[in-house]
N, C-alpha and C. Protein backbone atom coordinates (compact mmCIF):
# COMPACT_ATOMS: atom_id res chain seq x y z
N MET A 1 -43.58 123.94 -22.06
CA MET A 1 -42.18 124.99 -23.06
C MET A 1 -41.29 125.18 -22.80
N SER A 2 -40.49 124.53 -23.61
CA SER A 2 -39.22 125.03 -23.44
C SER A 2 -37.55 125.26 -24.64
N LEU A 3 -36.43 125.87 -23.51
CA LEU A 3 -36.20 126.23 -25.06
C LEU A 3 -34.53 124.86 -25.50
N ALA A 4 -34.76 124.41 -26.42
CA ALA A 4 -33.65 123.41 -26.88
C ALA A 4 -32.46 123.45 -26.24
N LEU A 5 -31.61 125.21 -26.12
CA LEU A 5 -30.74 124.89 -26.40
C LEU A 5 -30.36 126.43 -25.38
N PRO A 6 -30.86 126.30 -24.21
CA PRO A 6 -30.23 127.60 -23.45
C PRO A 6 -29.71 128.88 -23.38
N ARG A 7 -29.25 129.63 -23.20
CA ARG A 7 -28.38 129.85 -23.20
C ARG A 7 -28.23 131.04 -21.67
N SER A 8 -26.58 131.14 -21.71
CA SER A 8 -26.34 131.65 -20.01
C SER A 8 -26.82 133.59 -20.74
N VAL A 9 -27.36 134.22 -19.10
CA VAL A 9 -28.15 135.80 -19.26
C VAL A 9 -26.99 136.78 -19.57
N GLY A 10 -26.86 137.44 -20.72
CA GLY A 10 -26.73 137.60 -21.23
C GLY A 10 -26.23 138.05 -23.06
N ILE A 11 -26.40 136.89 -22.73
CA ILE A 11 -25.62 136.22 -24.30
C ILE A 11 -26.96 136.07 -25.10
N ALA A 12 -26.35 137.03 -26.52
CA ALA A 12 -28.61 137.55 -27.34
C ALA A 12 -28.45 135.99 -27.91
N SER A 13 -29.87 136.06 -29.39
CA SER A 13 -29.39 134.46 -30.22
C SER A 13 -30.45 135.36 -30.63
N SER A 14 -30.06 134.86 -32.98
CA SER A 14 -31.11 134.78 -33.97
C SER A 14 -31.38 133.42 -34.65
N ASP A 15 -31.40 133.00 -33.38
CA ASP A 15 -32.15 131.45 -33.46
C ASP A 15 -31.61 130.14 -32.27
N GLU A 16 -33.52 130.67 -32.21
CA GLU A 16 -33.72 129.74 -30.40
C GLU A 16 -35.06 129.02 -31.28
N LEU A 17 -34.86 127.57 -30.34
CA LEU A 17 -36.22 126.72 -31.07
C LEU A 17 -36.97 126.46 -29.67
N LEU A 18 -37.53 127.03 -29.79
CA LEU A 18 -38.74 127.02 -28.36
C LEU A 18 -40.15 125.93 -28.66
N VAL A 19 -39.69 124.20 -28.18
CA VAL A 19 -40.67 123.52 -28.19
C VAL A 19 -42.50 123.52 -26.85
N ILE A 20 -42.90 123.03 -27.48
CA ILE A 20 -44.31 123.61 -26.17
C ILE A 20 -44.70 122.78 -27.16
N GLU A 21 -45.25 121.87 -25.58
CA GLU A 21 -47.09 121.11 -25.99
C GLU A 21 -48.26 120.82 -25.30
N LEU A 22 -48.67 120.94 -26.34
CA LEU A 22 -50.21 121.45 -26.18
C LEU A 22 -51.14 120.04 -26.10
N ALA A 23 -51.86 120.50 -24.65
CA ALA A 23 -53.27 120.07 -25.08
C ALA A 23 -54.05 119.31 -25.82
N GLU A 24 -54.73 119.72 -26.92
CA GLU A 24 -55.65 119.40 -28.04
C GLU A 24 -54.54 120.81 -29.49
N PRO A 25 -54.37 120.01 -30.14
CA PRO A 25 -54.31 119.79 -31.41
C PRO A 25 -55.16 121.59 -31.78
N ILE A 26 -54.03 122.37 -31.89
CA ILE A 26 -54.53 123.65 -33.28
C ILE A 26 -53.59 123.89 -34.03
N ASP A 27 -54.80 124.75 -34.72
CA ASP A 27 -53.73 125.24 -36.14
C ASP A 27 -52.89 125.71 -35.99
N LEU A 28 -51.17 125.61 -36.89
CA LEU A 28 -50.05 126.13 -36.63
C LEU A 28 -50.58 126.93 -36.80
N ASP A 29 -50.93 128.61 -37.45
CA ASP A 29 -51.31 129.70 -38.04
C ASP A 29 -51.94 130.35 -36.61
N GLU A 30 -52.29 129.52 -36.35
CA GLU A 30 -53.19 130.03 -34.93
C GLU A 30 -52.76 129.61 -33.39
N VAL A 31 -51.97 128.55 -33.89
CA VAL A 31 -50.78 128.40 -32.49
C VAL A 31 -49.63 129.80 -32.87
N ARG A 32 -49.34 130.43 -34.56
CA ARG A 32 -48.01 131.67 -34.23
C ARG A 32 -48.94 133.53 -33.98
N SER A 33 -49.81 132.76 -34.26
CA SER A 33 -50.80 134.29 -33.74
C SER A 33 -50.71 134.28 -32.56
N ARG A 34 -51.03 132.93 -31.30
CA ARG A 34 -51.20 133.68 -30.32
C ARG A 34 -50.21 133.78 -29.53
N LEU A 35 -48.68 133.06 -29.90
CA LEU A 35 -47.80 133.63 -29.40
C LEU A 35 -46.55 134.91 -29.62
N ASP A 36 -47.20 135.70 -31.55
CA ASP A 36 -46.78 136.27 -31.65
C ASP A 36 -47.69 137.75 -30.58
N ARG A 37 -48.37 137.17 -30.16
CA ARG A 37 -49.21 138.86 -29.41
C ARG A 37 -48.05 138.91 -28.50
N HIS A 38 -47.90 137.67 -27.75
CA HIS A 38 -47.09 138.21 -26.41
C HIS A 38 -45.62 138.17 -26.89
N LEU A 39 -45.19 138.59 -27.37
CA LEU A 39 -43.96 138.67 -27.41
C LEU A 39 -42.96 140.16 -27.32
N PRO A 40 -42.00 139.75 -27.28
CA PRO A 40 -41.27 141.00 -26.90
C PRO A 40 -41.16 141.83 -28.57
N ALA A 41 -40.73 143.11 -28.41
CA ALA A 41 -40.02 144.15 -29.95
C ALA A 41 -39.56 143.76 -29.84
N GLY A 42 -38.94 143.53 -31.29
CA GLY A 42 -38.00 142.91 -32.31
C GLY A 42 -37.97 141.63 -31.41
N MET A 43 -38.68 141.02 -31.64
CA MET A 43 -38.85 138.91 -32.09
C MET A 43 -39.60 138.62 -32.46
N SER A 44 -38.99 138.24 -33.40
CA SER A 44 -40.19 137.43 -34.20
C SER A 44 -39.61 135.53 -33.87
N ILE A 45 -41.17 135.03 -34.59
CA ILE A 45 -41.07 133.79 -35.16
C ILE A 45 -40.98 133.48 -36.16
N THR A 46 -39.94 132.02 -36.50
CA THR A 46 -39.84 132.70 -38.33
C THR A 46 -40.35 131.18 -38.84
N HIS A 47 -40.63 129.92 -37.64
CA HIS A 47 -41.42 129.20 -38.29
C HIS A 47 -42.18 128.12 -37.14
N VAL A 48 -43.34 127.04 -37.51
CA VAL A 48 -43.99 126.53 -36.77
C VAL A 48 -44.11 125.47 -37.03
N GLU A 49 -44.02 124.28 -36.65
CA GLU A 49 -43.70 123.22 -37.65
C GLU A 49 -44.90 122.25 -35.98
N ARG A 50 -45.59 121.08 -36.14
CA ARG A 50 -46.26 120.15 -35.75
C ARG A 50 -44.80 119.24 -35.11
N VAL A 51 -44.78 118.68 -34.58
CA VAL A 51 -43.88 117.07 -34.35
C VAL A 51 -44.38 116.48 -33.30
N GLU A 52 -43.96 115.04 -33.33
CA GLU A 52 -44.83 113.87 -32.79
C GLU A 52 -44.03 113.53 -31.50
N ALA A 53 -45.08 113.62 -30.08
CA ALA A 53 -44.42 113.34 -28.72
C ALA A 53 -43.67 112.57 -29.63
N GLY A 54 -42.22 112.89 -28.17
CA GLY A 54 -41.22 112.41 -28.87
C GLY A 54 -39.97 112.19 -29.12
N ASP A 55 -40.49 113.63 -30.88
CA ASP A 55 -39.37 114.15 -30.70
C ASP A 55 -38.83 115.10 -30.49
N ARG A 56 -37.36 114.68 -30.69
CA ARG A 56 -36.35 115.30 -29.48
C ARG A 56 -35.32 115.99 -30.48
N ARG A 57 -35.32 117.85 -30.82
CA ARG A 57 -34.25 118.12 -31.51
C ARG A 57 -33.34 118.08 -30.58
N LEU A 58 -32.18 117.93 -30.63
CA LEU A 58 -31.24 117.19 -29.92
C LEU A 58 -29.65 118.44 -30.78
N PRO A 59 -29.54 119.41 -30.52
CA PRO A 59 -28.80 120.25 -31.26
C PRO A 59 -27.03 119.83 -31.11
N ILE A 60 -26.61 119.72 -32.20
CA ILE A 60 -25.62 119.07 -31.92
C ILE A 60 -24.04 120.20 -32.76
N ALA A 61 -24.30 121.85 -32.98
CA ALA A 61 -23.33 122.35 -33.69
C ALA A 61 -24.61 124.20 -33.15
N ALA A 62 -22.33 124.52 -32.87
CA ALA A 62 -23.68 126.39 -32.03
C ALA A 62 -22.85 126.51 -33.35
N GLU A 63 -23.25 128.48 -34.06
CA GLU A 63 -22.48 128.99 -34.52
C GLU A 63 -22.83 131.04 -33.39
N TYR A 64 -21.42 131.74 -33.08
CA TYR A 64 -21.67 132.28 -32.07
C TYR A 64 -20.67 133.52 -32.75
N GLU A 65 -21.02 135.01 -33.03
CA GLU A 65 -20.08 136.14 -33.24
C GLU A 65 -20.56 136.79 -32.39
N VAL A 66 -19.58 137.46 -32.28
CA VAL A 66 -19.15 138.93 -31.07
C VAL A 66 -18.17 139.51 -31.77
N SER A 67 -18.40 141.17 -31.43
CA SER A 67 -18.26 142.62 -32.25
C SER A 67 -16.86 142.08 -31.27
N ILE A 68 -15.44 142.82 -32.03
CA ILE A 68 -14.29 143.33 -31.41
C ILE A 68 -13.74 144.53 -31.63
N ASP A 69 -13.02 144.89 -30.72
CA ASP A 69 -12.61 146.49 -31.21
C ASP A 69 -11.52 147.13 -32.40
N ALA A 70 -11.59 148.32 -33.05
CA ALA A 70 -10.55 147.90 -33.98
C ALA A 70 -9.84 148.29 -32.97
N GLY A 71 -9.08 147.39 -34.02
CA GLY A 71 -7.31 147.31 -34.17
C GLY A 71 -6.74 145.71 -33.27
N GLY A 72 -8.18 145.13 -33.00
CA GLY A 72 -7.46 143.98 -31.32
C GLY A 72 -7.69 142.80 -32.88
N GLU A 73 -7.56 142.79 -33.67
CA GLU A 73 -8.07 141.56 -34.49
C GLU A 73 -7.37 140.68 -34.53
N PRO A 74 -6.17 141.79 -35.09
CA PRO A 74 -4.43 140.86 -34.98
C PRO A 74 -3.53 139.22 -34.15
N ALA A 75 -4.60 139.91 -32.70
CA ALA A 75 -3.87 139.20 -31.64
C ALA A 75 -5.43 138.54 -31.71
N VAL A 76 -6.63 138.70 -32.16
CA VAL A 76 -7.51 137.54 -31.55
C VAL A 76 -6.92 136.37 -32.65
N SER A 77 -7.02 136.54 -33.86
CA SER A 77 -7.17 136.34 -34.86
C SER A 77 -5.55 134.86 -34.67
N ALA A 78 -4.08 136.15 -34.66
CA ALA A 78 -3.26 134.94 -34.08
C ALA A 78 -3.61 133.96 -32.73
N ARG A 79 -4.04 134.46 -31.55
CA ARG A 79 -4.94 133.26 -30.60
C ARG A 79 -5.97 132.38 -31.46
N ALA A 80 -6.81 132.96 -32.79
CA ALA A 80 -8.33 132.08 -33.39
C ALA A 80 -7.31 130.91 -34.08
N ALA A 81 -6.17 131.12 -34.69
CA ALA A 81 -4.81 130.24 -35.30
C ALA A 81 -4.29 129.26 -34.56
N ALA A 82 -3.92 129.80 -33.36
CA ALA A 82 -2.76 128.95 -32.04
C ALA A 82 -3.44 127.68 -31.57
N ILE A 83 -4.69 127.52 -31.28
CA ILE A 83 -6.12 127.36 -31.27
C ILE A 83 -6.38 126.44 -32.30
N MET A 84 -6.56 127.04 -33.32
CA MET A 84 -6.69 125.99 -34.59
C MET A 84 -5.71 124.70 -34.70
N ALA A 85 -4.81 125.07 -34.67
CA ALA A 85 -3.30 124.42 -34.66
C ALA A 85 -3.04 123.27 -33.46
N GLU A 86 -3.53 123.91 -33.14
CA GLU A 86 -2.90 122.49 -31.88
C GLU A 86 -4.50 121.56 -31.74
N THR A 87 -3.64 120.24 -30.82
CA THR A 87 -4.50 119.04 -30.47
C THR A 87 -5.29 118.91 -29.76
N ASN A 88 -4.30 119.73 -28.79
CA ASN A 88 -5.45 119.81 -26.75
C ASN A 88 -5.31 121.25 -26.98
N VAL A 89 -6.80 121.78 -26.89
CA VAL A 89 -6.53 122.49 -26.20
C VAL A 89 -8.17 123.09 -24.27
N PHE A 90 -7.16 123.48 -23.07
CA PHE A 90 -7.50 122.67 -21.84
C PHE A 90 -8.04 123.90 -21.82
N VAL A 91 -9.29 123.59 -20.49
CA VAL A 91 -8.74 124.47 -19.52
C VAL A 91 -10.34 124.04 -18.29
N ASP A 92 -10.08 125.62 -17.38
CA ASP A 92 -10.69 125.15 -16.03
C ASP A 92 -11.17 125.34 -15.54
N ARG A 93 -12.77 124.20 -16.00
CA ARG A 93 -13.74 124.09 -15.79
C ARG A 93 -14.58 124.79 -13.77
N ALA A 94 -14.80 125.75 -13.33
CA ALA A 94 -15.18 125.46 -12.19
C ALA A 94 -16.77 125.39 -12.18
N THR A 95 -17.49 124.60 -11.52
CA THR A 95 -18.65 124.04 -11.51
C THR A 95 -19.74 124.45 -10.04
N PRO A 96 -19.99 124.80 -9.38
CA PRO A 96 -21.22 124.92 -8.36
C PRO A 96 -20.76 123.97 -7.63
N GLY A 97 -20.22 123.29 -6.60
CA GLY A 97 -21.41 121.87 -5.64
C GLY A 97 -20.48 121.21 -6.06
N MET A 98 -19.07 121.34 -7.16
CA MET A 98 -17.96 119.93 -7.76
C MET A 98 -16.23 120.61 -7.54
N ALA A 99 -15.83 119.53 -7.92
CA ALA A 99 -14.16 119.75 -8.11
C ALA A 99 -14.29 120.62 -9.54
N ASP A 100 -13.43 121.51 -9.41
CA ASP A 100 -12.62 121.99 -10.71
C ASP A 100 -12.69 120.96 -11.65
N ARG A 101 -12.53 121.27 -13.24
CA ARG A 101 -12.20 120.05 -13.83
C ARG A 101 -11.47 120.87 -15.26
N HIS A 102 -10.65 119.62 -15.42
CA HIS A 102 -9.34 120.50 -16.74
C HIS A 102 -9.75 119.47 -17.73
N ILE A 103 -10.98 120.29 -18.20
CA ILE A 103 -11.00 119.73 -19.80
C ILE A 103 -10.22 120.48 -21.38
N ASP A 104 -10.53 119.13 -21.97
CA ASP A 104 -9.77 119.68 -23.26
C ASP A 104 -10.54 119.40 -24.27
N VAL A 105 -11.18 121.11 -23.90
CA VAL A 105 -12.21 121.42 -25.34
C VAL A 105 -11.77 121.14 -26.59
N ARG A 106 -10.55 121.74 -27.19
CA ARG A 106 -10.53 121.49 -28.53
C ARG A 106 -11.61 120.38 -30.01
N GLN A 107 -11.32 119.85 -29.28
CA GLN A 107 -12.43 118.93 -29.45
C GLN A 107 -14.18 119.22 -29.97
N TYR A 108 -13.56 120.04 -29.65
CA TYR A 108 -15.68 120.80 -29.73
C TYR A 108 -15.16 122.06 -30.90
N ILE A 109 -14.11 122.42 -31.22
CA ILE A 109 -13.77 123.80 -31.95
C ILE A 109 -13.62 123.73 -32.88
N THR A 110 -15.04 124.21 -34.09
CA THR A 110 -14.12 123.56 -35.50
C THR A 110 -13.97 124.53 -36.47
N SER A 111 -14.16 125.40 -35.94
CA SER A 111 -14.29 126.82 -37.09
C SER A 111 -13.64 128.39 -35.84
N ILE A 112 -12.71 129.47 -36.90
CA ILE A 112 -12.37 130.79 -36.45
C ILE A 112 -12.41 131.46 -37.20
N ALA A 113 -13.45 132.16 -37.62
CA ALA A 113 -13.16 133.49 -38.12
C ALA A 113 -12.75 134.92 -37.71
N VAL A 114 -11.79 135.90 -37.73
CA VAL A 114 -12.44 136.33 -37.33
C VAL A 114 -11.78 138.08 -38.98
N GLU A 115 -13.29 139.05 -38.85
CA GLU A 115 -12.89 139.93 -40.08
C GLU A 115 -13.11 140.93 -39.22
N PRO A 116 -12.82 142.11 -40.08
CA PRO A 116 -12.37 143.39 -39.21
C PRO A 116 -14.15 143.34 -38.29
N GLY A 117 -13.54 144.18 -37.24
CA GLY A 117 -14.73 144.11 -36.61
C GLY A 117 -15.49 143.39 -35.74
N ARG A 118 -15.06 141.98 -36.38
CA ARG A 118 -15.93 140.36 -35.59
C ARG A 118 -15.51 139.48 -36.15
N LEU A 119 -15.68 139.11 -34.63
CA LEU A 119 -15.39 137.31 -34.88
C LEU A 119 -16.22 136.15 -34.80
N THR A 120 -16.04 135.21 -35.79
CA THR A 120 -16.89 134.38 -35.40
C THR A 120 -16.43 132.98 -35.03
N TRP A 121 -17.15 132.13 -34.56
CA TRP A 121 -16.76 130.82 -34.53
C TRP A 121 -17.95 129.26 -34.57
N ARG A 122 -17.37 128.33 -34.66
CA ARG A 122 -18.60 126.89 -34.54
C ARG A 122 -17.50 126.46 -34.40
N GLN A 123 -18.65 125.39 -33.06
CA GLN A 123 -18.59 124.39 -32.42
C GLN A 123 -19.81 123.44 -32.21
N SER A 124 -19.32 122.08 -32.26
CA SER A 124 -19.89 120.89 -31.97
C SER A 124 -20.89 121.31 -30.78
N ILE A 125 -21.88 120.33 -30.80
CA ILE A 125 -22.20 120.06 -29.65
C ILE A 125 -22.75 118.53 -28.58
N THR A 126 -21.78 118.10 -28.38
CA THR A 126 -22.29 116.73 -28.29
C THR A 126 -22.98 115.83 -26.89
N ALA A 127 -22.80 114.69 -26.45
CA ALA A 127 -23.75 114.49 -25.31
C ALA A 127 -22.34 113.85 -24.11
N THR A 128 -21.45 115.04 -24.90
CA THR A 128 -19.90 114.39 -23.55
C THR A 128 -20.01 115.28 -23.10
N GLY A 129 -19.75 116.78 -24.02
CA GLY A 129 -19.65 118.01 -23.74
C GLY A 129 -20.16 119.43 -25.07
N THR A 130 -19.28 120.30 -24.60
CA THR A 130 -18.99 121.28 -25.22
C THR A 130 -18.19 122.55 -25.47
N VAL A 131 -18.30 123.46 -25.83
CA VAL A 131 -17.32 124.80 -24.92
C VAL A 131 -17.58 125.48 -24.89
N ARG A 132 -18.10 126.04 -23.43
CA ARG A 132 -19.06 127.18 -23.25
C ARG A 132 -18.57 128.63 -24.09
N PRO A 133 -19.29 129.67 -24.04
CA PRO A 133 -18.72 130.98 -25.13
C PRO A 133 -18.67 132.07 -24.06
N ASN A 134 -18.15 131.74 -22.92
CA ASN A 134 -17.06 132.53 -21.96
C ASN A 134 -15.54 131.59 -21.77
N GLU A 135 -15.57 130.73 -22.12
CA GLU A 135 -14.25 129.88 -21.80
C GLU A 135 -13.63 130.09 -23.60
N MET A 136 -14.99 130.52 -24.82
CA MET A 136 -13.87 130.46 -25.82
C MET A 136 -13.74 132.11 -26.27
N LEU A 137 -14.21 133.00 -25.08
CA LEU A 137 -13.98 134.29 -25.50
C LEU A 137 -12.61 134.90 -24.77
N GLU A 138 -12.77 133.91 -23.44
CA GLU A 138 -11.40 133.81 -22.68
C GLU A 138 -10.07 132.98 -23.56
N LEU A 139 -10.58 131.80 -24.36
CA LEU A 139 -9.42 130.87 -24.58
C LEU A 139 -8.60 132.42 -26.59
N LEU A 140 -9.13 132.50 -26.61
CA LEU A 140 -8.77 133.86 -28.03
C LEU A 140 -8.93 135.63 -27.13
N GLY A 141 -8.45 135.52 -25.97
CA GLY A 141 -7.85 136.69 -24.54
C GLY A 141 -8.82 137.74 -24.55
N LEU A 142 -10.33 137.36 -25.00
CA LEU A 142 -10.86 138.77 -24.98
C LEU A 142 -11.57 138.30 -23.86
N ALA A 143 -11.98 139.21 -22.47
CA ALA A 143 -12.23 139.62 -21.19
C ALA A 143 -13.44 138.75 -21.84
N THR A 144 -14.27 138.24 -20.25
CA THR A 144 -15.33 138.42 -20.40
C THR A 144 -16.09 138.67 -19.17
N GLY A 145 -16.09 139.56 -18.84
CA GLY A 145 -16.84 140.96 -18.27
C GLY A 145 -16.99 142.14 -19.75
N ASP A 146 -15.68 141.87 -21.15
CA ASP A 146 -16.28 142.97 -21.59
C ASP A 146 -16.43 142.43 -23.07
N TYR A 147 -16.24 141.24 -23.11
CA TYR A 147 -17.53 140.87 -23.92
C TYR A 147 -18.98 140.05 -24.27
N LEU A 148 -19.06 139.33 -23.11
CA LEU A 148 -19.66 138.84 -23.50
C LEU A 148 -21.28 139.07 -23.73
N HIS A 149 -21.59 140.20 -23.06
CA HIS A 149 -22.76 141.18 -23.46
C HIS A 149 -23.15 141.28 -25.04
N ARG A 150 -21.92 141.82 -26.03
CA ARG A 150 -21.83 141.44 -26.96
C ARG A 150 -21.85 140.47 -28.04
N LEU A 151 -22.18 138.88 -27.53
CA LEU A 151 -21.89 137.56 -27.82
C LEU A 151 -23.45 137.87 -28.43
N ARG A 152 -23.25 137.07 -29.55
CA ARG A 152 -25.02 136.74 -30.75
C ARG A 152 -24.42 135.22 -31.23
N ARG A 153 -25.54 133.98 -30.31
CA ARG A 153 -25.43 133.12 -30.95
C ARG A 153 -26.82 133.32 -32.19
N LEU A 154 -26.08 133.16 -32.97
CA LEU A 154 -26.04 132.90 -35.17
C LEU A 154 -27.05 132.10 -34.96
N ALA A 155 -27.31 130.51 -34.62
CA ALA A 155 -27.52 129.61 -35.56
C ALA A 155 -27.35 128.26 -34.38
N VAL A 156 -28.24 127.49 -34.28
CA VAL A 156 -27.94 125.75 -33.77
C VAL A 156 -28.53 124.77 -35.29
N THR A 157 -27.73 124.33 -34.58
CA THR A 157 -28.07 122.74 -35.93
C THR A 157 -28.39 121.76 -35.29
N TYR A 158 -29.47 121.26 -35.30
CA TYR A 158 -29.94 119.67 -34.40
C TYR A 158 -30.93 118.63 -36.03
N ASP A 159 -30.37 117.57 -34.45
CA ASP A 159 -29.93 116.28 -34.92
C ASP A 159 -31.72 115.78 -35.01
N ARG A 160 -32.47 115.23 -35.67
CA ARG A 160 -33.78 115.13 -35.71
C ARG A 160 -33.34 113.68 -35.78
């Protein structure tokens, strides 16, 4: 059992892909029924399908949303516009046990939208990397400690 694109602790999700390898074929309705009995309140299975052995679903894009404080939209919108206007946007990424890296994340940011009380963005995911949600929050002027718990991954697109 594995999640195709695990999230950081504290980030909610409306779209998860759980891959389960079974020892023997089971009817898909039975799989759903067995899993449903063990899900926490508020969680549901939206789709079950059989895939061939070795069929990997590789994430290629994700969309996130976060609620923002009333009145904060103009500042976030200005930062979003500045990010989208740039060719390169760098972050310093710390990875335990490794030297900090200076990474251009602009190539992964495909769109940013600011609405009253809400910020959404879409990002690509490639073999060479992606932008981390906490990095996006910081780039947009939203302190991770204040906003990470408000973050929700809305959708993930997979390459088949």
